[in-house]
N, C-alpha and C. Protein backbone atom coordinates (compact mmCIF):
# COMPACT_ATOMS: atom_id res chain seq x y z
N MET A 1 -21.13 -4.19 0.37
CA MET A 1 -20.74 -5.43 0.05
C MET A 1 -21.14 -6.60 1.35
N GLU A 2 -21.43 -7.60 0.67
CA GLU A 2 -22.07 -8.68 1.87
C GLU A 2 -20.76 -8.97 2.76
N ALA A 3 -21.12 -9.10 3.79
CA ALA A 3 -19.80 -9.84 4.74
C ALA A 3 -19.16 -10.97 4.40
N ALA A 4 -19.89 -12.03 4.49
CA ALA A 4 -19.43 -13.24 4.33
C ALA A 4 -18.43 -13.00 2.75
N ARG A 5 -19.12 -12.84 1.70
CA ARG A 5 -18.47 -12.91 0.63
C ARG A 5 -16.98 -11.73 0.70
N ALA A 6 -17.14 -10.54 1.49
CA ALA A 6 -16.17 -9.79 1.60
C ALA A 6 -14.99 -10.22 2.62
N ALA A 7 -15.43 -11.32 3.49
CA ALA A 7 -14.38 -11.95 4.43
C ALA A 7 -13.86 -12.84 3.56
N GLN A 8 -14.34 -13.72 2.68
CA GLN A 8 -13.53 -14.88 1.93
C GLN A 8 -12.86 -14.03 0.94
N MET A 9 -13.26 -12.95 0.26
CA MET A 9 -12.19 -12.41 -0.51
C MET A 9 -10.97 -11.85 0.04
N GLY A 10 -11.15 -11.16 1.10
CA GLY A 10 -10.24 -10.52 1.80
C GLY A 10 -8.85 -11.58 2.20
N GLU A 11 -9.56 -12.84 2.79
CA GLU A 11 -8.66 -13.76 3.19
C GLU A 11 -7.81 -14.31 2.08
N ALA A 12 -8.51 -14.58 1.02
CA ALA A 12 -7.91 -14.86 -0.54
C ALA A 12 -6.78 -13.79 -0.56
N VAL A 13 -7.06 -12.63 -0.69
CA VAL A 13 -6.10 -11.58 -1.04
C VAL A 13 -4.74 -11.67 0.14
N ALA A 14 -5.51 -11.73 1.17
CA ALA A 14 -4.23 -11.74 2.25
C ALA A 14 -3.28 -13.06 2.09
N GLU A 15 -3.78 -14.16 1.66
CA GLU A 15 -2.91 -15.13 1.39
C GLU A 15 -1.61 -15.17 0.21
N LYS A 16 -2.38 -14.34 -0.85
CA LYS A 16 -1.65 -14.11 -2.01
C LYS A 16 -0.42 -13.15 -1.59
N VAL A 17 -0.95 -11.96 -1.10
CA VAL A 17 0.19 -11.04 -0.42
C VAL A 17 1.13 -11.73 0.45
N LEU A 18 0.85 -12.53 1.49
CA LEU A 18 1.57 -13.53 2.32
C LEU A 18 2.52 -14.39 1.26
N GLN A 19 2.21 -14.89 0.46
CA GLN A 19 2.97 -15.65 -0.46
C GLN A 19 4.05 -14.76 -1.21
N TYR A 20 3.75 -13.48 -1.59
CA TYR A 20 4.55 -12.59 -2.18
C TYR A 20 5.64 -12.44 -1.25
N ARG A 21 5.34 -11.93 -0.07
CA ARG A 21 6.52 -12.08 1.13
C ARG A 21 7.35 -13.17 1.49
N GLN A 22 6.57 -14.18 1.11
CA GLN A 22 7.48 -15.45 1.16
C GLN A 22 8.63 -15.77 0.09
N ASP A 23 8.12 -15.59 -0.90
CA ASP A 23 8.88 -15.89 -2.44
C ASP A 23 10.03 -14.83 -2.53
N GLN A 24 11.18 -15.43 -2.44
CA GLN A 24 12.13 -14.18 -2.82
C GLN A 24 12.36 -14.64 -4.16
N SER A 25 12.01 -15.11 -4.95
CA SER A 25 12.56 -15.80 -6.36
C SER A 25 12.18 -14.74 -7.46
N GLY A 26 12.92 -14.33 -8.26
CA GLY A 26 12.74 -13.51 -9.68
C GLY A 26 12.72 -12.06 -9.26
N TRP A 27 12.98 -11.45 -8.32
CA TRP A 27 12.72 -9.94 -7.92
C TRP A 27 14.29 -9.42 -8.56
N LYS A 28 14.11 -8.36 -9.30
CA LYS A 28 14.78 -7.53 -9.78
C LYS A 28 14.91 -5.89 -9.36
N ILE A 29 16.29 -5.78 -8.82
CA ILE A 29 16.42 -4.42 -8.01
C ILE A 29 16.23 -3.11 -9.18
N CYS A 30 15.31 -2.20 -8.67
CA CYS A 30 15.44 -1.15 -9.75
C CYS A 30 15.74 -0.15 -8.97
N ARG A 31 15.69 0.06 -7.88
CA ARG A 31 16.37 1.46 -6.85
C ARG A 31 16.69 1.09 -5.48
N GLU A 32 17.91 1.51 -5.01
CA GLU A 32 18.43 1.35 -3.79
C GLU A 32 18.91 2.52 -3.60
N GLY A 33 18.77 2.85 -2.05
CA GLY A 33 19.39 4.10 -1.61
C GLY A 33 18.93 4.19 -0.12
N ASN A 34 19.57 5.08 0.55
CA ASN A 34 19.07 5.22 2.09
C ASN A 34 18.59 4.05 2.96
N GLY A 35 19.01 3.17 2.76
CA GLY A 35 18.60 1.97 3.39
C GLY A 35 17.14 1.41 2.86
N VAL A 36 16.80 1.81 1.72
CA VAL A 36 15.18 1.48 1.08
C VAL A 36 15.92 0.46 -0.26
N SER A 37 15.06 -0.48 -0.60
CA SER A 37 15.39 -1.26 -1.87
C SER A 37 14.09 -1.39 -2.40
N VAL A 38 14.07 -1.35 -3.88
CA VAL A 38 12.60 -1.41 -4.53
C VAL A 38 13.09 -2.65 -5.37
N CYS A 39 12.19 -3.54 -5.66
CA CYS A 39 12.49 -4.35 -6.41
C CYS A 39 11.09 -4.55 -7.49
N TRP A 40 11.19 -5.42 -8.44
CA TRP A 40 9.88 -5.68 -9.13
C TRP A 40 10.21 -7.32 -10.00
N ARG A 41 8.97 -7.48 -10.22
CA ARG A 41 8.60 -8.81 -11.13
C ARG A 41 7.52 -8.87 -11.55
N PRO A 42 7.34 -9.47 -13.04
CA PRO A 42 6.54 -9.34 -13.85
C PRO A 42 5.15 -9.71 -12.96
N SER A 43 4.15 -9.00 -13.15
CA SER A 43 2.65 -9.43 -12.21
C SER A 43 2.22 -10.66 -13.13
N MET A 44 1.52 -11.52 -12.19
CA MET A 44 0.72 -12.73 -12.69
C MET A 44 -0.65 -12.14 -12.75
N GLU A 45 -0.97 -11.06 -12.23
CA GLU A 45 -2.53 -10.39 -12.15
C GLU A 45 -2.97 -9.71 -13.53
N PHE A 46 -2.07 -8.94 -14.04
CA PHE A 46 -2.13 -8.21 -14.88
C PHE A 46 -0.83 -7.53 -15.81
N PRO A 47 -1.09 -7.03 -17.00
CA PRO A 47 0.30 -7.02 -18.06
C PRO A 47 1.10 -5.74 -17.24
N GLY A 48 1.47 -5.65 -16.24
CA GLY A 48 2.13 -4.72 -15.39
C GLY A 48 3.26 -5.52 -14.53
N LYS A 49 3.81 -4.70 -13.44
CA LYS A 49 4.86 -5.24 -12.62
C LYS A 49 4.20 -5.42 -11.29
N LEU A 50 4.72 -6.27 -10.45
CA LEU A 50 4.56 -6.10 -8.92
C LEU A 50 5.65 -5.70 -8.28
N TYR A 51 5.73 -4.63 -7.64
CA TYR A 51 6.58 -3.87 -6.90
C TYR A 51 6.89 -4.34 -5.31
N ARG A 52 8.09 -4.49 -5.18
CA ARG A 52 8.32 -4.46 -3.58
C ARG A 52 9.34 -4.07 -3.10
N GLY A 53 8.84 -3.24 -2.06
CA GLY A 53 10.05 -2.34 -1.35
C GLY A 53 10.02 -2.78 0.30
N GLU A 54 11.45 -2.51 0.75
CA GLU A 54 11.85 -2.78 2.12
C GLU A 54 12.70 -1.89 2.27
N GLY A 55 12.36 -1.41 3.86
CA GLY A 55 13.54 -0.69 4.68
C GLY A 55 13.31 -1.02 5.73
N ILE A 56 14.29 -0.29 6.88
CA ILE A 56 14.28 -0.67 8.23
C ILE A 56 13.99 0.97 8.91
N LEU A 57 12.64 1.15 9.35
CA LEU A 57 12.43 2.65 10.22
C LEU A 57 12.76 2.64 11.76
N ASN A 58 13.40 3.88 12.07
CA ASN A 58 13.67 4.09 13.46
C ASN A 58 11.93 4.27 14.08
N GLY A 59 11.57 3.60 14.60
CA GLY A 59 10.10 3.60 15.18
C GLY A 59 9.76 2.05 15.65
N THR A 60 8.83 2.42 16.74
CA THR A 60 8.33 1.02 17.10
C THR A 60 7.29 0.40 16.18
N PRO A 61 7.05 -0.77 16.08
CA PRO A 61 6.05 -1.41 14.98
C PRO A 61 4.49 -0.82 15.29
N GLU A 62 4.19 -0.30 16.63
CA GLU A 62 3.16 0.34 16.65
C GLU A 62 3.01 1.68 16.14
N ASN A 63 4.13 2.53 16.40
CA ASN A 63 4.13 4.07 15.98
C ASN A 63 3.93 4.01 14.32
N VAL A 64 4.71 3.04 13.87
CA VAL A 64 4.96 2.79 12.19
C VAL A 64 3.39 2.40 11.63
N TRP A 65 2.94 1.42 12.30
CA TRP A 65 1.71 1.02 12.01
C TRP A 65 0.42 2.17 12.18
N ASP A 66 0.62 3.02 13.00
CA ASP A 66 -0.33 3.99 13.05
C ASP A 66 -0.42 5.15 11.71
N CYS A 67 0.84 5.09 11.57
CA CYS A 67 1.38 6.11 9.91
C CYS A 67 0.59 5.43 9.13
N VAL A 68 0.71 3.93 8.57
CA VAL A 68 0.68 3.52 7.68
C VAL A 68 -0.82 2.72 7.44
N LYS A 69 -1.50 2.25 8.45
CA LYS A 69 -2.81 1.38 8.46
C LYS A 69 -3.92 1.92 7.60
N PRO A 70 -4.51 1.24 7.03
CA PRO A 70 -5.53 1.92 5.89
C PRO A 70 -6.82 1.58 6.56
N LEU A 71 -7.00 2.03 7.89
CA LEU A 71 -8.30 1.82 8.63
C LEU A 71 -8.44 3.36 9.16
N ALA A 72 -9.59 3.39 9.80
CA ALA A 72 -9.83 4.84 10.47
C ALA A 72 -8.82 4.95 11.38
N GLY A 73 -8.53 6.52 11.55
CA GLY A 73 -7.61 6.95 12.63
C GLY A 73 -6.00 6.74 12.15
N THR A 74 -5.91 6.49 10.58
CA THR A 74 -4.73 6.72 10.13
C THR A 74 -4.07 7.97 9.78
N LEU A 75 -2.95 8.14 10.01
CA LEU A 75 -2.46 9.15 9.80
C LEU A 75 -1.78 9.50 8.49
N ARG A 76 -1.97 8.48 7.67
CA ARG A 76 -1.61 8.63 5.99
C ARG A 76 -1.90 9.73 5.14
N ASP A 77 -2.70 10.22 5.31
CA ASP A 77 -3.17 11.48 4.35
C ASP A 77 -2.37 12.68 4.90
N LYS A 78 -2.05 12.57 6.20
CA LYS A 78 -1.18 13.81 6.78
C LYS A 78 0.43 13.84 6.32
N TRP A 79 0.73 12.79 6.02
CA TRP A 79 2.42 12.94 5.55
C TRP A 79 2.74 12.16 4.10
N ASP A 80 1.66 11.35 3.73
CA ASP A 80 2.28 10.97 2.52
C ASP A 80 1.58 11.65 1.12
N GLU A 81 2.77 12.20 0.44
CA GLU A 81 2.48 13.07 -0.59
C GLU A 81 1.77 12.31 -1.53
N ASN A 82 1.74 10.78 -1.53
CA ASN A 82 0.53 10.54 -2.75
C ASN A 82 -0.78 10.17 -2.31
N VAL A 83 -1.01 10.52 -1.19
CA VAL A 83 -2.40 10.37 -0.54
C VAL A 83 -3.51 11.86 -0.22
N THR A 84 -3.90 12.28 -1.34
CA THR A 84 -4.85 13.40 -0.67
C THR A 84 -5.94 13.31 0.20
N SER A 85 -6.65 11.96 0.17
CA SER A 85 -7.87 11.92 1.17
C SER A 85 -7.83 10.56 1.24
N PHE A 86 -8.35 10.09 2.26
CA PHE A 86 -8.78 8.45 2.99
C PHE A 86 -9.85 8.45 3.34
N GLU A 87 -10.79 7.58 3.08
CA GLU A 87 -11.96 7.45 3.92
C GLU A 87 -12.40 5.96 3.82
N ILE A 88 -13.08 5.74 5.03
CA ILE A 88 -13.80 4.18 5.34
C ILE A 88 -15.16 4.48 4.44
N ILE A 89 -15.39 3.60 3.60
CA ILE A 89 -16.85 3.72 2.80
C ILE A 89 -17.66 2.45 3.50
N GLN A 90 -17.24 1.51 3.93
CA GLN A 90 -18.09 0.59 4.60
C GLN A 90 -17.21 -0.44 5.55
N SER A 91 -17.53 -0.32 7.12
CA SER A 91 -16.63 -1.11 7.95
C SER A 91 -17.64 -2.22 8.14
N ILE A 92 -16.81 -3.34 7.88
CA ILE A 92 -17.47 -4.66 7.83
C ILE A 92 -17.02 -5.28 9.11
N THR A 93 -15.78 -5.26 9.42
CA THR A 93 -15.26 -5.76 10.93
C THR A 93 -14.63 -4.83 11.40
N ASP A 94 -14.13 -4.83 12.70
CA ASP A 94 -12.52 -3.95 12.85
C ASP A 94 -11.25 -4.10 12.25
N THR A 95 -11.50 -5.32 11.47
CA THR A 95 -10.27 -5.63 10.33
C THR A 95 -10.64 -5.77 9.15
N LEU A 96 -11.87 -5.51 8.77
CA LEU A 96 -12.27 -5.68 7.28
C LEU A 96 -12.99 -4.36 6.76
N CYS A 97 -12.70 -3.73 5.96
CA CYS A 97 -13.25 -2.72 5.36
C CYS A 97 -13.13 -2.00 4.02
N ILE A 98 -13.91 -1.33 3.80
CA ILE A 98 -13.93 -0.69 2.08
C ILE A 98 -13.62 0.45 2.27
N SER A 99 -12.63 1.04 1.69
CA SER A 99 -11.95 2.33 1.79
C SER A 99 -11.74 2.83 0.23
N ARG A 100 -11.79 4.41 0.23
CA ARG A 100 -11.34 5.28 -1.15
C ARG A 100 -10.48 5.88 -0.68
N THR A 101 -9.35 5.87 -1.43
CA THR A 101 -8.16 6.63 -1.38
C THR A 101 -8.11 7.27 -2.55
N THR A 102 -7.71 8.66 -2.51
CA THR A 102 -7.69 9.84 -3.79
C THR A 102 -5.87 9.75 -3.52
N THR A 103 -5.47 10.04 -5.02
CA THR A 103 -3.79 10.47 -5.03
C THR A 103 -4.12 11.68 -6.26
N PRO A 104 -3.12 12.48 -5.53
CA PRO A 104 -2.77 13.75 -6.59
C PRO A 104 -2.37 13.55 -8.08
N SER A 105 -2.51 14.60 -8.74
CA SER A 105 -1.71 14.53 -10.21
C SER A 105 -0.23 14.16 -9.87
N ALA A 106 0.57 13.66 -10.86
CA ALA A 106 2.07 13.31 -10.47
C ALA A 106 2.73 13.22 -11.71
N ALA A 107 4.08 13.02 -11.62
CA ALA A 107 5.19 12.84 -12.98
C ALA A 107 4.55 14.37 -13.61
N MET A 108 4.98 15.35 -12.98
CA MET A 108 4.63 16.64 -13.91
C MET A 108 3.40 16.71 -14.21
N LYS A 109 2.32 16.17 -14.02
CA LYS A 109 1.05 16.24 -14.10
C LYS A 109 0.49 15.26 -15.42
N LEU A 110 1.44 14.56 -15.73
CA LEU A 110 1.44 13.38 -16.81
C LEU A 110 0.48 12.43 -16.02
N ILE A 111 0.38 11.94 -14.82
CA ILE A 111 -0.60 11.08 -14.35
C ILE A 111 -1.55 12.02 -13.38
N SER A 112 -2.82 12.06 -14.00
CA SER A 112 -3.93 12.88 -13.23
C SER A 112 -4.36 12.47 -12.34
N PRO A 113 -5.10 13.25 -11.48
CA PRO A 113 -5.65 12.49 -9.94
C PRO A 113 -6.29 11.32 -10.07
N ARG A 114 -5.91 9.95 -9.25
CA ARG A 114 -6.51 8.91 -9.11
C ARG A 114 -7.50 8.59 -7.77
N ASP A 115 -8.39 7.87 -8.01
CA ASP A 115 -9.03 7.21 -6.77
C ASP A 115 -9.27 6.03 -6.91
N PHE A 116 -9.26 5.27 -5.82
CA PHE A 116 -9.30 3.87 -5.70
C PHE A 116 -10.22 3.24 -4.63
N VAL A 117 -11.08 2.28 -4.76
CA VAL A 117 -11.70 1.55 -3.93
C VAL A 117 -11.39 0.38 -3.51
N ASP A 118 -10.96 0.09 -2.46
CA ASP A 118 -10.16 -1.35 -1.88
C ASP A 118 -11.27 -1.98 -0.95
N LEU A 119 -10.89 -3.24 -1.05
CA LEU A 119 -11.12 -3.96 0.03
C LEU A 119 -10.14 -4.15 0.78
N VAL A 120 -10.01 -4.16 2.43
CA VAL A 120 -8.89 -4.01 2.92
C VAL A 120 -8.94 -5.10 4.00
N LEU A 121 -8.22 -5.77 4.51
CA LEU A 121 -7.95 -6.75 5.79
C LEU A 121 -6.62 -6.36 6.06
N VAL A 122 -6.72 -6.55 7.80
CA VAL A 122 -5.57 -6.21 8.59
C VAL A 122 -5.74 -7.85 9.16
N ARG A 123 -4.33 -8.06 9.30
CA ARG A 123 -4.31 -9.28 9.87
C ARG A 123 -2.85 -9.17 11.12
N LYS A 124 -2.83 -9.90 12.27
CA LYS A 124 -1.55 -9.80 13.27
C LYS A 124 -1.38 -11.27 13.49
N TYR A 125 0.08 -11.35 13.27
CA TYR A 125 0.96 -12.45 13.54
C TYR A 125 1.23 -12.68 14.96
N GLU A 126 1.74 -14.00 15.05
CA GLU A 126 2.15 -14.38 16.63
C GLU A 126 3.41 -13.50 17.13
N ASP A 127 4.26 -13.29 15.76
CA ASP A 127 5.71 -12.48 16.15
C ASP A 127 5.63 -11.13 16.13
N GLY A 128 4.16 -10.44 16.19
CA GLY A 128 3.91 -9.21 16.41
C GLY A 128 3.82 -8.61 15.17
N THR A 129 4.11 -9.14 13.99
CA THR A 129 4.00 -8.47 12.57
C THR A 129 2.36 -8.14 12.25
N VAL A 130 2.02 -7.02 11.71
CA VAL A 130 0.79 -6.92 11.33
C VAL A 130 0.75 -6.50 9.75
N SER A 131 -0.04 -7.00 9.18
CA SER A 131 -0.53 -6.91 7.89
C SER A 131 -1.59 -6.19 7.44
N SER A 132 -1.53 -5.66 6.21
CA SER A 132 -2.85 -5.04 5.51
C SER A 132 -2.50 -5.58 4.04
N SER A 133 -3.76 -6.19 3.74
CA SER A 133 -3.70 -6.61 2.19
C SER A 133 -5.06 -5.84 1.61
N ALA A 134 -4.89 -5.48 0.53
CA ALA A 134 -6.18 -5.00 -0.23
C ALA A 134 -5.80 -5.53 -1.82
N ILE A 135 -7.15 -5.22 -2.26
CA ILE A 135 -7.51 -5.41 -3.66
C ILE A 135 -8.81 -4.48 -3.97
N SER A 136 -9.03 -3.81 -5.54
CA SER A 136 -9.97 -2.98 -5.82
C SER A 136 -11.01 -3.73 -6.03
N VAL A 137 -12.22 -3.03 -5.24
CA VAL A 137 -13.55 -3.72 -5.77
C VAL A 137 -14.26 -2.32 -6.46
N GLU A 138 -15.49 -3.10 -6.38
CA GLU A 138 -16.74 -1.79 -6.81
C GLU A 138 -17.66 -1.78 -5.81
N HIS A 139 -18.27 -0.45 -5.58
CA HIS A 139 -19.18 -0.17 -4.08
C HIS A 139 -20.15 0.72 -4.77
N PRO A 140 -21.40 0.14 -4.52
CA PRO A 140 -22.66 0.99 -5.17
C PRO A 140 -22.39 2.71 -4.31
N SER A 141 -22.02 2.81 -3.54
CA SER A 141 -22.22 4.25 -2.79
C SER A 141 -20.70 4.75 -3.18
N CYS A 142 -19.90 4.39 -3.90
CA CYS A 142 -18.67 5.29 -4.47
C CYS A 142 -18.82 4.87 -5.89
N PRO A 143 -19.31 5.27 -6.87
CA PRO A 143 -19.02 5.44 -8.39
C PRO A 143 -17.79 6.35 -8.75
N PRO A 144 -17.50 5.98 -9.78
CA PRO A 144 -16.02 7.13 -10.25
C PRO A 144 -16.95 8.81 -10.01
N LYS A 145 -15.54 9.53 -9.78
CA LYS A 145 -16.21 11.00 -9.49
C LYS A 145 -15.47 11.61 -10.61
N PRO A 146 -16.08 12.70 -11.02
CA PRO A 146 -15.70 13.69 -11.84
C PRO A 146 -14.45 14.16 -11.85
N GLY A 147 -13.19 14.34 -12.52
CA GLY A 147 -11.95 14.77 -12.24
C GLY A 147 -10.82 13.90 -11.55
N TYR A 148 -11.64 12.61 -11.48
CA TYR A 148 -10.37 11.40 -11.04
C TYR A 148 -10.92 10.11 -12.12
N VAL A 149 -9.41 9.83 -12.11
CA VAL A 149 -9.49 8.25 -12.90
C VAL A 149 -9.64 7.37 -12.06
N ARG A 150 -10.52 5.95 -12.47
CA ARG A 150 -10.84 5.16 -11.19
C ARG A 150 -9.30 4.23 -11.81
N GLY A 151 -8.56 4.18 -10.49
CA GLY A 151 -7.31 3.33 -10.95
C GLY A 151 -7.88 1.64 -10.05
N PHE A 152 -7.31 0.67 -10.47
CA PHE A 152 -7.50 -0.44 -9.85
C PHE A 152 -6.10 -1.36 -9.02
N ASN A 153 -6.33 -1.36 -7.89
CA ASN A 153 -5.05 -2.30 -7.26
C ASN A 153 -5.26 -3.74 -7.47
N HIS A 154 -4.68 -4.39 -8.17
CA HIS A 154 -4.51 -6.11 -7.70
C HIS A 154 -3.85 -6.24 -6.49
N PRO A 155 -4.02 -7.36 -6.15
CA PRO A 155 -3.68 -7.79 -4.45
C PRO A 155 -1.98 -6.94 -4.15
N CYS A 156 -2.55 -6.14 -3.31
CA CYS A 156 -1.06 -5.59 -2.56
C CYS A 156 -1.23 -5.36 -1.14
N GLY A 157 0.10 -4.80 -0.64
CA GLY A 157 -0.37 -4.39 0.95
C GLY A 157 0.92 -4.34 1.66
N CYS A 158 1.17 -4.39 2.85
CA CYS A 158 2.55 -4.30 3.35
C CYS A 158 2.78 -5.06 4.93
N PHE A 159 3.73 -5.03 5.13
CA PHE A 159 4.09 -6.13 6.53
C PHE A 159 4.88 -5.35 7.29
N CYS A 160 4.38 -4.82 8.57
CA CYS A 160 5.20 -4.23 9.49
C CYS A 160 5.42 -5.10 10.44
N GLU A 161 6.77 -5.13 10.55
CA GLU A 161 7.72 -6.21 11.14
C GLU A 161 8.66 -5.74 12.48
N PRO A 162 8.34 -6.51 13.60
CA PRO A 162 9.11 -6.31 14.66
C PRO A 162 10.87 -6.60 14.02
N LEU A 163 11.92 -5.94 14.59
CA LEU A 163 13.03 -6.34 14.57
C LEU A 163 13.48 -6.80 15.68
N PRO A 164 13.87 -8.37 15.46
CA PRO A 164 14.47 -9.09 17.02
C PRO A 164 15.48 -8.60 17.54
N GLY A 165 15.40 -7.89 18.74
CA GLY A 165 16.88 -7.57 19.43
C GLY A 165 16.71 -6.07 19.17
N ALA A 166 15.87 -5.43 18.37
CA ALA A 166 16.00 -3.99 18.09
C ALA A 166 14.72 -3.20 18.24
N PRO A 167 14.11 -3.44 19.33
CA PRO A 167 12.82 -2.85 19.81
C PRO A 167 12.43 -1.40 19.28
N GLY A 168 13.29 -0.59 19.16
CA GLY A 168 12.89 0.74 18.63
C GLY A 168 12.96 0.70 17.01
N GLN A 169 13.01 -0.50 16.12
CA GLN A 169 13.25 -0.52 14.75
C GLN A 169 12.07 -1.35 14.39
N THR A 170 11.70 -0.98 13.08
CA THR A 170 10.62 -1.61 12.16
C THR A 170 11.02 -2.12 11.01
N ARG A 171 10.78 -3.36 10.55
CA ARG A 171 11.19 -3.30 9.12
C ARG A 171 9.53 -3.09 8.69
N LEU A 172 9.47 -2.81 7.30
CA LEU A 172 8.23 -2.41 6.58
C LEU A 172 8.64 -2.78 5.09
N VAL A 173 7.74 -4.12 5.08
CA VAL A 173 7.96 -4.47 3.47
C VAL A 173 6.51 -4.20 2.82
N THR A 174 6.64 -3.71 1.46
CA THR A 174 5.48 -3.18 0.98
C THR A 174 5.27 -3.88 -0.37
N PHE A 175 4.26 -4.07 -0.98
CA PHE A 175 4.08 -4.56 -2.45
C PHE A 175 2.80 -3.70 -3.13
N PHE A 176 3.22 -3.18 -4.10
CA PHE A 176 2.35 -2.28 -5.20
C PHE A 176 2.11 -3.20 -6.47
N GLN A 177 0.89 -3.17 -6.87
CA GLN A 177 0.61 -3.73 -8.14
C GLN A 177 -0.55 -2.91 -8.51
N THR A 178 -0.37 -1.55 -9.45
CA THR A 178 -1.52 -1.20 -9.55
C THR A 178 -1.20 -0.65 -11.10
N ASP A 179 -2.72 -0.77 -11.68
CA ASP A 179 -3.13 -0.50 -12.89
C ASP A 179 -3.74 0.83 -12.75
N LEU A 180 -3.06 1.84 -13.20
CA LEU A 180 -3.37 3.56 -12.76
C LEU A 180 -4.44 3.77 -13.89
N SER A 181 -4.46 2.85 -15.07
CA SER A 181 -5.70 2.96 -15.88
C SER A 181 -5.21 4.53 -16.74
N GLY A 182 -6.25 4.53 -17.69
CA GLY A 182 -5.72 5.78 -18.33
C GLY A 182 -4.95 5.48 -19.36
N LEU A 183 -4.83 6.23 -20.51
CA LEU A 183 -3.91 5.97 -21.43
C LEU A 183 -2.16 6.61 -21.25
N LEU A 184 -1.53 6.14 -20.36
CA LEU A 184 -0.23 6.38 -19.90
C LEU A 184 0.98 5.47 -20.40
N PRO A 185 1.90 6.15 -21.18
CA PRO A 185 3.01 5.71 -21.61
C PRO A 185 3.80 4.69 -20.12
N GLN A 186 3.88 3.66 -20.89
CA GLN A 186 4.79 2.47 -20.15
C GLN A 186 5.87 3.14 -19.49
N SER A 187 6.44 3.74 -19.88
CA SER A 187 7.86 4.66 -19.08
C SER A 187 7.43 5.53 -18.23
N VAL A 188 6.25 6.00 -18.57
CA VAL A 188 5.97 7.03 -17.33
C VAL A 188 5.45 6.19 -16.10
N VAL A 189 4.79 5.01 -16.30
CA VAL A 189 4.55 4.04 -15.44
C VAL A 189 5.70 3.40 -14.43
N ASP A 190 6.64 3.45 -15.47
CA ASP A 190 7.91 2.29 -14.80
C ASP A 190 9.01 3.42 -14.14
N SER A 191 9.17 4.47 -14.25
CA SER A 191 9.30 5.69 -13.40
C SER A 191 9.16 5.99 -12.35
N PHE A 192 7.55 5.84 -12.29
CA PHE A 192 6.89 6.77 -11.10
C PHE A 192 6.81 5.91 -10.31
N PHE A 193 6.52 4.34 -10.18
CA PHE A 193 6.87 3.56 -8.88
C PHE A 193 7.81 3.62 -8.06
N PRO A 194 9.01 3.35 -8.91
CA PRO A 194 10.30 3.24 -7.97
C PRO A 194 10.59 4.42 -6.95
N ARG A 195 10.45 5.29 -7.84
CA ARG A 195 10.72 6.58 -7.00
C ARG A 195 9.49 7.19 -6.26
N SER A 196 8.23 6.86 -6.39
CA SER A 196 7.56 7.02 -5.42
C SER A 196 7.38 6.11 -3.97
N MET A 197 8.05 5.05 -4.47
CA MET A 197 7.96 3.92 -3.43
C MET A 197 9.20 4.54 -2.43
N ALA A 198 10.42 5.09 -3.22
CA ALA A 198 11.42 5.42 -2.09
C ALA A 198 11.16 6.85 -1.51
N VAL A 199 10.42 7.55 -1.95
CA VAL A 199 10.18 8.64 -1.38
C VAL A 199 8.91 8.41 -0.22
N PHE A 200 8.20 7.57 -0.38
CA PHE A 200 6.97 6.88 0.58
C PHE A 200 8.24 6.74 2.04
N TYR A 201 8.96 5.92 1.93
CA TYR A 201 9.96 5.73 2.94
C TYR A 201 10.71 6.63 3.84
N ALA A 202 11.07 7.60 2.75
CA ALA A 202 11.37 9.04 3.36
C ALA A 202 10.51 9.58 4.29
N ASN A 203 9.34 9.73 3.46
CA ASN A 203 8.32 10.60 4.07
C ASN A 203 7.66 9.96 5.37
N LEU A 204 7.84 8.53 5.55
CA LEU A 204 7.53 7.97 6.33
C LEU A 204 8.51 7.98 7.69
N GLN A 205 9.52 7.78 6.98
CA GLN A 205 10.21 8.24 8.28
C GLN A 205 10.40 9.62 9.02
N ARG A 206 10.11 10.68 8.17
CA ARG A 206 10.15 11.67 8.92
C ARG A 206 8.82 11.66 9.94
N ALA A 207 7.70 11.42 9.34
CA ALA A 207 6.23 11.25 10.13
C ALA A 207 6.52 10.52 11.40
N VAL A 208 7.25 9.39 11.44
CA VAL A 208 7.36 8.70 12.44
C VAL A 208 8.11 9.41 13.75
N THR A 209 8.80 10.23 12.92
CA THR A 209 9.86 10.95 13.86
C THR A 209 8.99 12.23 14.43
N THR A 210 8.18 12.73 13.64
CA THR A 210 7.38 13.73 13.93
C THR A 210 6.66 13.57 14.98
N PHE A 211 5.69 12.84 14.65
CA PHE A 211 4.54 12.21 15.33
C PHE A 211 4.79 11.81 16.94
N TRP A 212 6.19 11.12 17.21
CA TRP A 212 6.26 10.36 18.23
C TRP A 212 7.63 10.85 19.12
N HIS A 213 8.12 11.82 18.66
CA HIS A 213 9.54 12.26 19.21
C HIS A 213 9.24 13.60 19.78
């Protein structure tokens, strides 16, 4: 992808995800427990839902970020049960890239393996917050592969935020807005995301504890 166009697209997606972070209106809680809350509201991008997860993790922002960052050197595929592989297709700058993520079958195999090709932008803020924002794109070197359904991520991302007065803890706010594609019953999709997001936080806490303690 041409660098100037990718940069422009990345900034637009990052601004949209930042708006999701700042806008507190219209969210409905669909799952709570173990310090994690998952909410949703209707997506403005497609006929599905925008999901928001939030939880406090025991671990520094740097360590949490190393586990979740969608960049080279991430530990994501080592601990996240929803990620089987992660690769950088094109590195545009050190904070902007195109990645391919594959996911395993899920929901008792009602959801078959997926892959996603995303443009990803990382931003750092003055208060120490680091964010990643992503949107699915097409890339000539990454056509759909046999055995995988090509899913589509509408603007999504996460915010890894330091907690004032708690240097060993991190607030992680995540946004998922994914069209899984394929002929899936809506009930399967609606039950899958809240559960998988709750499991994501639990597995992430275990990973942070394992890798840095």
